[in-house]
Protein backbone atom coordinates (compact mmCIF):
# COMPACT_ATOMS: atom_id res chain seq x y z
CA UNK A 1 0.05 -0.08 -0.02
CA UNK A 2 1.10 3.40 -0.86
CA UNK A 3 1.01 5.77 2.18
CA UNK A 4 2.30 9.12 0.88
CA UNK A 5 2.27 11.26 -2.11
CA UNK A 6 5.99 10.71 -2.36
CA UNK A 7 5.43 6.94 -2.29
CA UNK A 8 3.16 7.58 -5.46
CA UNK A 9 5.55 9.96 -7.08
CA UNK A 10 8.39 7.40 -6.75
CA UNK A 11 6.55 4.66 -8.66
CA UNK A 12 7.26 4.43 -12.38
CA UNK A 13 4.23 2.82 -13.18
CA UNK A 14 2.10 5.56 -11.37
CA UNK A 15 4.09 8.32 -13.17
CA UNK A 16 3.46 6.62 -16.58
CA UNK A 17 -0.16 6.03 -15.55
CA UNK A 18 -0.80 9.80 -14.93
CA UNK A 19 1.22 11.19 -17.97
CA UNK A 20 -0.01 8.71 -20.46
CA UNK A 21 -2.69 10.53 -22.35
CA UNK A 22 -4.08 7.19 -23.67
CA UNK A 23 -4.93 5.36 -20.45
CA UNK A 24 -6.15 1.90 -21.08
CA UNK A 25 -9.51 1.07 -19.28
CA UNK A 26 -9.22 -1.14 -16.03
CA UNK A 27 -5.42 -0.46 -15.80
CA UNK A 28 -3.75 -1.75 -12.61
CA UNK A 29 -3.98 1.90 -11.14
CA UNK A 30 -7.80 2.15 -11.93
CA UNK A 31 -8.19 -1.00 -10.03
CA UNK A 32 -6.06 0.22 -7.24
CA UNK A 33 -8.25 3.36 -7.05
CA UNK A 34 -11.37 1.38 -6.74
CA UNK A 35 -10.02 -0.96 -4.15
CA UNK A 36 -8.26 1.57 -1.88
CA UNK A 37 -10.80 4.37 -1.23
CA UNK A 38 -8.58 5.28 1.84
CA UNK A 39 -5.88 6.39 -0.62
CA UNK A 40 -7.96 8.28 -2.97
CA UNK A 41 -6.88 11.74 -1.56
CA UNK A 42 -3.23 10.91 -1.63
CA UNK A 43 -3.53 9.47 -5.14
CA UNK A 44 -5.27 12.40 -6.37
CA UNK A 45 -2.80 14.80 -4.80
CA UNK A 46 0.35 12.87 -6.14
CA UNK A 47 -1.70 12.95 -9.60
CA UNK A 48 -2.07 16.70 -9.38
CA UNK A 49 1.57 17.18 -8.62
CA UNK A 50 2.54 15.46 -11.83
CA UNK A 51 0.21 17.38 -13.79
CA UNK A 52 0.42 20.80 -12.21
CA UNK A 53 2.16 23.62 -14.04
CA UNK A 54 5.62 24.24 -12.63
CA UNK A 55 4.56 27.69 -11.35
CA UNK A 56 1.79 26.33 -9.07
CA UNK A 57 2.60 25.55 -5.50
CA UNK A 58 2.40 21.75 -5.11
CA UNK A 59 2.55 21.86 -1.38
CA UNK A 60 5.93 20.10 -1.43
CA UNK A 61 8.79 21.53 0.45
CA UNK A 62 11.73 22.80 -1.85
CA UNK A 63 13.82 20.06 -0.41
CA UNK A 64 11.33 17.39 -1.34
CA UNK A 65 10.96 18.89 -4.60
CA UNK A 66 14.79 18.65 -5.18
CA UNK A 67 14.80 15.20 -3.75
CA UNK A 68 11.95 14.14 -6.20
CA UNK A 69 13.59 15.92 -9.12
CA UNK A 70 16.97 14.06 -8.39
CA UNK A 71 15.33 10.59 -7.96
CA UNK A 72 13.45 11.15 -11.43
CA UNK A 73 16.56 12.38 -13.28
CA UNK A 74 18.61 9.45 -11.77
CA UNK A 75 15.84 6.98 -12.77
CA UNK A 76 15.98 8.29 -16.30
CA UNK A 77 19.81 8.08 -16.38
CA UNK A 78 19.81 4.47 -15.34
CA UNK A 79 16.98 3.59 -17.92
CA UNK A 80 18.84 5.22 -20.70
CA UNK A 81 22.08 3.31 -19.95
CA UNK A 82 20.38 -0.13 -20.32
């Protein structure tokens, strides 16, 4: 179970789910959303962070934003090396 916005934002499949414009019906994330109503607020907040224009405050601390940015960049770097 994912407990924080950061947990969702560190999940590659969640990032792809949110940023992919052609979401397939009944994806694993749609199923997760339905089966875990207790996580819906966090799910929606994480989704909003990914979709928010950069000039809107996401509610994350600057250090959290930097950590997240670094994690994403490192993930991309590792994947391009493979």
